[in-house]
PDB file of N, CA and C in Angstrom:
ATOM      1  N   MET A   1     -11.166  20.242  -7.859  1.00  0.00           N
ATOM      2  CA  MET A   1     -11.022  18.842  -8.241  1.00  0.00           C
ATOM      3  C   MET A   1     -12.306  18.091  -7.901  1.00  0.00           C
ATOM      4  N   LYS A   2     -12.811  17.342  -8.842  1.00  0.00           N
ATOM      5  CA  LYS A   2     -14.043  16.577  -8.647  1.00  0.00           C
ATOM      6  C   LYS A   2     -13.715  15.217  -8.035  1.00  0.00           C
ATOM      7  N   THR A   3     -14.456  14.871  -7.010  1.00  0.00           N
ATOM      8  CA  THR A   3     -14.261  13.569  -6.369  1.00  0.00           C
ATOM      9  C   THR A   3     -15.565  12.795  -6.467  1.00  0.00           C
ATOM     10  N   GLU A   4     -15.475  11.572  -6.866  1.00  0.00           N
ATOM     11  CA  GLU A   4     -16.662  10.736  -6.951  1.00  0.00           C
ATOM     12  C   GLU A   4     -16.754   9.859  -5.719  1.00  0.00           C
ATOM     13  N   ASN A   5     -17.959   9.631  -5.266  1.00  0.00           N
ATOM     14  CA  ASN A   5     -18.188   8.783  -4.103  1.00  0.00           C
ATOM     15  C   ASN A   5     -18.379   7.349  -4.589  1.00  0.00           C
ATOM     16  N   LEU A   6     -17.313   6.597  -4.642  1.00  0.00           N
ATOM     17  CA  LEU A   6     -17.354   5.214  -5.101  1.00  0.00           C
ATOM     18  C   LEU A   6     -16.947   4.286  -3.969  1.00  0.00           C
ATOM     19  N   GLU A   7     -17.466   3.114  -3.995  1.00  0.00           N
ATOM     20  CA  GLU A   7     -17.085   2.113  -3.005  1.00  0.00           C
ATOM     21  C   GLU A   7     -15.626   1.726  -3.222  1.00  0.00           C
ATOM     22  N   THR A   8     -14.848   1.659  -2.137  1.00  0.00           N
ATOM     23  CA  THR A   8     -13.418   1.346  -2.285  1.00  0.00           C
ATOM     24  C   THR A   8     -13.188  -0.037  -2.873  1.00  0.00           C
ATOM     25  N   GLN A   9     -14.048  -0.987  -2.600  1.00  0.00           N
ATOM     26  CA  GLN A   9     -13.825  -2.324  -3.143  1.00  0.00           C
ATOM     27  C   GLN A   9     -14.008  -2.341  -4.662  1.00  0.00           C
ATOM     28  N   ASP A  10     -14.690  -1.328  -5.230  1.00  0.00           N
ATOM     29  CA  ASP A  10     -14.847  -1.245  -6.670  1.00  0.00           C
ATOM     30  C   ASP A  10     -13.588  -0.710  -7.345  1.00  0.00           C
ATOM     31  N   ILE A  11     -12.765   0.025  -6.612  1.00  0.00           N
ATOM     32  CA  ILE A  11     -11.599   0.684  -7.195  1.00  0.00           C
ATOM     33  C   ILE A  11     -10.302   0.004  -6.786  1.00  0.00           C
ATOM     34  N   PHE A  12     -10.160  -0.275  -5.515  1.00  0.00           N
ATOM     35  CA  PHE A  12      -8.891  -0.746  -4.968  1.00  0.00           C
ATOM     36  C   PHE A  12      -8.867  -2.250  -4.795  1.00  0.00           C
ATOM     37  N   GLN A  13      -7.675  -2.801  -4.948  1.00  0.00           N
ATOM     38  CA  GLN A  13      -7.479  -4.208  -4.612  1.00  0.00           C
ATOM     39  C   GLN A  13      -6.416  -4.301  -3.532  1.00  0.00           C
ATOM     40  N   ARG A  14      -6.541  -5.267  -2.686  1.00  0.00           N
ATOM     41  CA  ARG A  14      -5.613  -5.439  -1.581  1.00  0.00           C
ATOM     42  C   ARG A  14      -4.238  -5.849  -2.119  1.00  0.00           C
ATOM     43  N   ILE A  15      -3.187  -5.312  -1.515  1.00  0.00           N
ATOM     44  CA  ILE A  15      -1.817  -5.677  -1.882  1.00  0.00           C
ATOM     45  C   ILE A  15      -1.344  -6.711  -0.864  1.00  0.00           C
ATOM     46  N   PRO A  16      -1.269  -7.966  -1.259  1.00  0.00           N
ATOM     47  CA  PRO A  16      -0.979  -9.035  -0.307  1.00  0.00           C
ATOM     48  C   PRO A  16       0.477  -9.112   0.147  1.00  0.00           C
ATOM     49  N   HIS A  17       1.366  -8.439  -0.523  1.00  0.00           N
ATOM     50  CA  HIS A  17       2.798  -8.582  -0.255  1.00  0.00           C
ATOM     51  C   HIS A  17       3.209  -8.170   1.161  1.00  0.00           C
ATOM     52  N   PHE A  18       2.451  -7.285   1.776  1.00  0.00           N
ATOM     53  CA  PHE A  18       2.852  -6.752   3.072  1.00  0.00           C
ATOM     54  C   PHE A  18       1.975  -7.241   4.228  1.00  0.00           C
ATOM     55  N   GLU A  19       1.107  -8.210   3.970  1.00  0.00           N
ATOM     56  CA  GLU A  19       0.217  -8.738   5.013  1.00  0.00           C
ATOM     57  C   GLU A  19       0.997  -9.322   6.187  1.00  0.00           C
ATOM     58  N   GLU A  20       2.031 -10.079   5.888  1.00  0.00           N
ATOM     59  CA  GLU A  20       2.814 -10.717   6.950  1.00  0.00           C
ATOM     60  C   GLU A  20       3.442  -9.659   7.857  1.00  0.00           C
ATOM     61  N   ALA A  21       3.978  -8.616   7.281  1.00  0.00           N
ATOM     62  CA  ALA A  21       4.568  -7.533   8.074  1.00  0.00           C
ATOM     63  C   ALA A  21       3.499  -6.813   8.880  1.00  0.00           C
ATOM     64  N   HIS A  22       2.355  -6.589   8.277  1.00  0.00           N
ATOM     65  CA  HIS A  22       1.258  -5.889   8.951  1.00  0.00           C
ATOM     66  C   HIS A  22       0.775  -6.670  10.182  1.00  0.00           C
ATOM     67  N   ASN A  23       0.809  -7.980  10.096  1.00  0.00           N
ATOM     68  CA  ASN A  23       0.305  -8.823  11.185  1.00  0.00           C
ATOM     69  C   ASN A  23       1.316  -9.057  12.305  1.00  0.00           C
ATOM     70  N   ASP A  24       2.549  -8.657  12.120  1.00  0.00           N
ATOM     71  CA  ASP A  24       3.584  -8.858  13.141  1.00  0.00           C
ATOM     72  C   ASP A  24       3.603  -7.656  14.085  1.00  0.00           C
ATOM     73  N   PRO A  25       3.472  -7.862  15.384  1.00  0.00           N
ATOM     74  CA  PRO A  25       3.436  -6.739  16.331  1.00  0.00           C
ATOM     75  C   PRO A  25       4.806  -6.108  16.611  1.00  0.00           C
ATOM     76  N   ASN A  26       5.882  -6.770  16.222  1.00  0.00           N
ATOM     77  CA  ASN A  26       7.223  -6.270  16.506  1.00  0.00           C
ATOM     78  C   ASN A  26       7.709  -5.355  15.376  1.00  0.00           C
ATOM     79  N   PRO A  27       7.948  -4.055  15.665  1.00  0.00           N
ATOM     80  CA  PRO A  27       8.359  -3.115  14.617  1.00  0.00           C
ATOM     81  C   PRO A  27       9.639  -3.514  13.883  1.00  0.00           C
ATOM     82  N   GLY A  28      10.599  -4.076  14.583  1.00  0.00           N
ATOM     83  CA  GLY A  28      11.842  -4.502  13.941  1.00  0.00           C
ATOM     84  C   GLY A  28      11.596  -5.613  12.939  1.00  0.00           C
ATOM     85  N   ARG A  29      10.795  -6.599  13.328  1.00  0.00           N
ATOM     86  CA  ARG A  29      10.462  -7.699  12.414  1.00  0.00           C
ATOM     87  C   ARG A  29       9.583  -7.193  11.272  1.00  0.00           C
ATOM     88  N   GLN A  30       8.700  -6.231  11.568  1.00  0.00           N
ATOM     89  CA  GLN A  30       7.868  -5.651  10.505  1.00  0.00           C
ATOM     90  C   GLN A  30       8.753  -5.056   9.413  1.00  0.00           C
ATOM     91  N   LEU A  31       9.719  -4.256   9.820  1.00  0.00           N
ATOM     92  CA  LEU A  31      10.624  -3.626   8.855  1.00  0.00           C
ATOM     93  C   LEU A  31      11.367  -4.680   8.044  1.00  0.00           C
ATOM     94  N   GLN A  32      11.855  -5.705   8.692  1.00  0.00           N
ATOM     95  CA  GLN A  32      12.570  -6.762   7.987  1.00  0.00           C
ATOM     96  C   GLN A  32      11.655  -7.464   6.992  1.00  0.00           C
ATOM     97  N   LYS A  33      10.422  -7.727   7.389  1.00  0.00           N
ATOM     98  CA  LYS A  33       9.473  -8.403   6.492  1.00  0.00           C
ATOM     99  C   LYS A  33       9.091  -7.513   5.309  1.00  0.00           C
ATOM    100  N   VAL A  34       8.982  -6.211   5.542  1.00  0.00           N
ATOM    101  CA  VAL A  34       8.708  -5.289   4.446  1.00  0.00           C
ATOM    102  C   VAL A  34       9.867  -5.311   3.457  1.00  0.00           C
ATOM    103  N   LYS A  35      11.095  -5.241   3.972  1.00  0.00           N
ATOM    104  CA  LYS A  35      12.273  -5.276   3.102  1.00  0.00           C
ATOM    105  C   LYS A  35      12.314  -6.562   2.277  1.00  0.00           C
ATOM    106  N   GLU A  36      11.940  -7.671   2.886  1.00  0.00           N
ATOM    107  CA  GLU A  36      11.946  -8.952   2.183  1.00  0.00           C
ATOM    108  C   GLU A  36      10.848  -9.021   1.123  1.00  0.00           C
ATOM    109  N   ALA A  37       9.742  -8.328   1.349  1.00  0.00           N
ATOM    110  CA  ALA A  37       8.602  -8.364   0.428  1.00  0.00           C
ATOM    111  C   ALA A  37       8.751  -7.420  -0.759  1.00  0.00           C
ATOM    112  N   VAL A  38       9.641  -6.445  -0.653  1.00  0.00           N
ATOM    113  CA  VAL A  38       9.767  -5.408  -1.686  1.00  0.00           C
ATOM    114  C   VAL A  38      10.062  -5.967  -3.084  1.00  0.00           C
ATOM    115  N   PRO A  39      11.008  -6.877  -3.274  1.00  0.00           N
ATOM    116  CA  PRO A  39      11.269  -7.356  -4.644  1.00  0.00           C
ATOM    117  C   PRO A  39      10.022  -7.969  -5.311  1.00  0.00           C
ATOM    118  N   GLY A  40       9.273  -8.766  -4.571  1.00  0.00           N
ATOM    119  CA  GLY A  40       8.044  -9.351  -5.122  1.00  0.00           C
ATOM    120  C   GLY A  40       6.995  -8.290  -5.414  1.00  0.00           C
ATOM    121  N   PHE A  41       6.901  -7.298  -4.538  1.00  0.00           N
ATOM    122  CA  PHE A  41       5.957  -6.207  -4.750  1.00  0.00           C
ATOM    123  C   PHE A  41       6.315  -5.406  -5.994  1.00  0.00           C
ATOM    124  N   LYS A  42       7.601  -5.120  -6.186  1.00  0.00           N
ATOM    125  CA  LYS A  42       8.034  -4.348  -7.359  1.00  0.00           C
ATOM    126  C   LYS A  42       7.629  -5.046  -8.654  1.00  0.00           C
ATOM    127  N   GLU A  43       7.862  -6.346  -8.722  1.00  0.00           N
ATOM    128  CA  GLU A  43       7.490  -7.099  -9.923  1.00  0.00           C
ATOM    129  C   GLU A  43       5.986  -7.073 -10.130  1.00  0.00           C
ATOM    130  N   TRP A  44       5.226  -7.294  -9.080  1.00  0.00           N
ATOM    131  CA  TRP A  44       3.770  -7.269  -9.159  1.00  0.00           C
ATOM    132  C   TRP A  44       3.287  -5.894  -9.619  1.00  0.00           C
ATOM    133  N   PHE A  45       3.854  -4.837  -9.054  1.00  0.00           N
ATOM    134  CA  PHE A  45       3.442  -3.476  -9.370  1.00  0.00           C
ATOM    135  C   PHE A  45       3.716  -3.141 -10.834  1.00  0.00           C
ATOM    136  N   LYS A  46       4.866  -3.575 -11.349  1.00  0.00           N
ATOM    137  CA  LYS A  46       5.201  -3.332 -12.755  1.00  0.00           C
ATOM    138  C   LYS A  46       4.193  -4.002 -13.686  1.00  0.00           C
ATOM    139  N   GLU A  47       3.698  -5.162 -13.295  1.00  0.00           N
ATOM    140  CA  GLU A  47       2.781  -5.929 -14.135  1.00  0.00           C
ATOM    141  C   GLU A  47       1.348  -5.417 -14.083  1.00  0.00           C
ATOM    142  N   THR A  48       1.014  -4.568 -13.099  1.00  0.00           N
ATOM    143  CA  THR A  48      -0.375  -4.135 -12.937  1.00  0.00           C
ATOM    144  C   THR A  48      -0.787  -3.047 -13.909  1.00  0.00           C
ATOM    145  N   GLY A  49       0.148  -2.389 -14.554  1.00  0.00           N
ATOM    146  CA  GLY A  49      -0.207  -1.356 -15.511  1.00  0.00           C
ATOM    147  C   GLY A  49      -0.338   0.009 -14.872  1.00  0.00           C
ATOM    148  N   LYS A  50      -1.279   0.798 -15.362  1.00  0.00           N
ATOM    149  CA  LYS A  50      -1.455   2.159 -14.898  1.00  0.00           C
ATOM    150  C   LYS A  50      -2.142   2.210 -13.536  1.00  0.00           C
ATOM    151  N   VAL A  51      -1.871   3.286 -12.819  1.00  0.00           N
ATOM    152  CA  VAL A  51      -2.489   3.516 -11.521  1.00  0.00           C
ATOM    153  C   VAL A  51      -3.950   3.899 -11.732  1.00  0.00           C
ATOM    154  N   ALA A  52      -4.861   3.258 -11.006  1.00  0.00           N
ATOM    155  CA  ALA A  52      -6.284   3.553 -11.139  1.00  0.00           C
ATOM    156  C   ALA A  52      -6.695   4.695 -10.225  1.00  0.00           C
ATOM    157  N   ALA A  53      -6.033   4.826  -9.082  1.00  0.00           N
ATOM    158  CA  ALA A  53      -6.372   5.882  -8.131  1.00  0.00           C
ATOM    159  C   ALA A  53      -5.166   6.144  -7.245  1.00  0.00           C
ATOM    160  N   PHE A  54      -5.119   7.344  -6.701  1.00  0.00           N
ATOM    161  CA  PHE A  54      -4.020   7.724  -5.823  1.00  0.00           C
ATOM    162  C   PHE A  54      -4.566   8.643  -4.749  1.00  0.00           C
ATOM    163  N   TYR A  55      -4.134   8.455  -3.515  1.00  0.00           N
ATOM    164  CA  TYR A  55      -4.555   9.286  -2.410  1.00  0.00           C
ATOM    165  C   TYR A  55      -3.332   9.592  -1.569  1.00  0.00           C
ATOM    166  N   SER A  56      -3.127  10.840  -1.233  1.00  0.00           N
ATOM    167  CA  SER A  56      -1.992  11.188  -0.378  1.00  0.00           C
ATOM    168  C   SER A  56      -2.493  12.038   0.791  1.00  0.00           C
ATOM    169  N   PHE A  57      -1.707  12.054   1.839  1.00  0.00           N
ATOM    170  CA  PHE A  57      -2.050  12.856   3.012  1.00  0.00           C
ATOM    171  C   PHE A  57      -0.764  13.210   3.740  1.00  0.00           C
ATOM    172  N   ASP A  58      -0.823  14.285   4.508  1.00  0.00           N
ATOM    173  CA  ASP A  58       0.336  14.718   5.286  1.00  0.00           C
ATOM    174  C   ASP A  58       0.558  13.759   6.448  1.00  0.00           C
ATOM    175  N   LEU A  59       1.785  13.351   6.637  1.00  0.00           N
ATOM    176  CA  LEU A  59       2.121  12.492   7.771  1.00  0.00           C
ATOM    177  C   LEU A  59       2.284  13.292   9.048  1.00  0.00           C
ATOM    178  N   VAL A  60       2.698  14.543   8.916  1.00  0.00           N
ATOM    179  CA  VAL A  60       2.914  15.403  10.075  1.00  0.00           C
ATOM    180  C   VAL A  60       2.164  16.709   9.840  1.00  0.00           C
ATOM    181  N   THR A  61       1.443  17.118  10.849  1.00  0.00           N
ATOM    182  CA  THR A  61       0.749  18.396  10.762  1.00  0.00           C
ATOM    183  C   THR A  61       1.465  19.383  11.680  1.00  0.00           C
ATOM    184  N   VAL A  62       1.934  20.472  11.123  1.00  0.00           N
ATOM    185  CA  VAL A  62       2.642  21.483  11.891  1.00  0.00           C
ATOM    186  C   VAL A  62       1.640  22.565  12.265  1.00  0.00           C
ATOM    187  N   PRO A  63       1.551  22.932  13.573  1.00  0.00           N
ATOM    188  CA  PRO A  63       0.583  23.960  13.980  1.00  0.00           C
ATOM    189  C   PRO A  63       0.907  25.316  13.392  1.00  0.00           C
TER     190      PRO A  63
END
């Protein structure tokens, strides 16, 4: 797979819907704020069109 070295600001745009949750230090409130932001995010995501880039990684590494 070919990967190009591009500046992230040229490809990605910030998703503002989860900023409030990200800034809250309390995990319980973070989860609640994420749940509250989801409907607005879904509508925004539907309107953005096709995905420009995607990156995935393993959350858990098993030895």
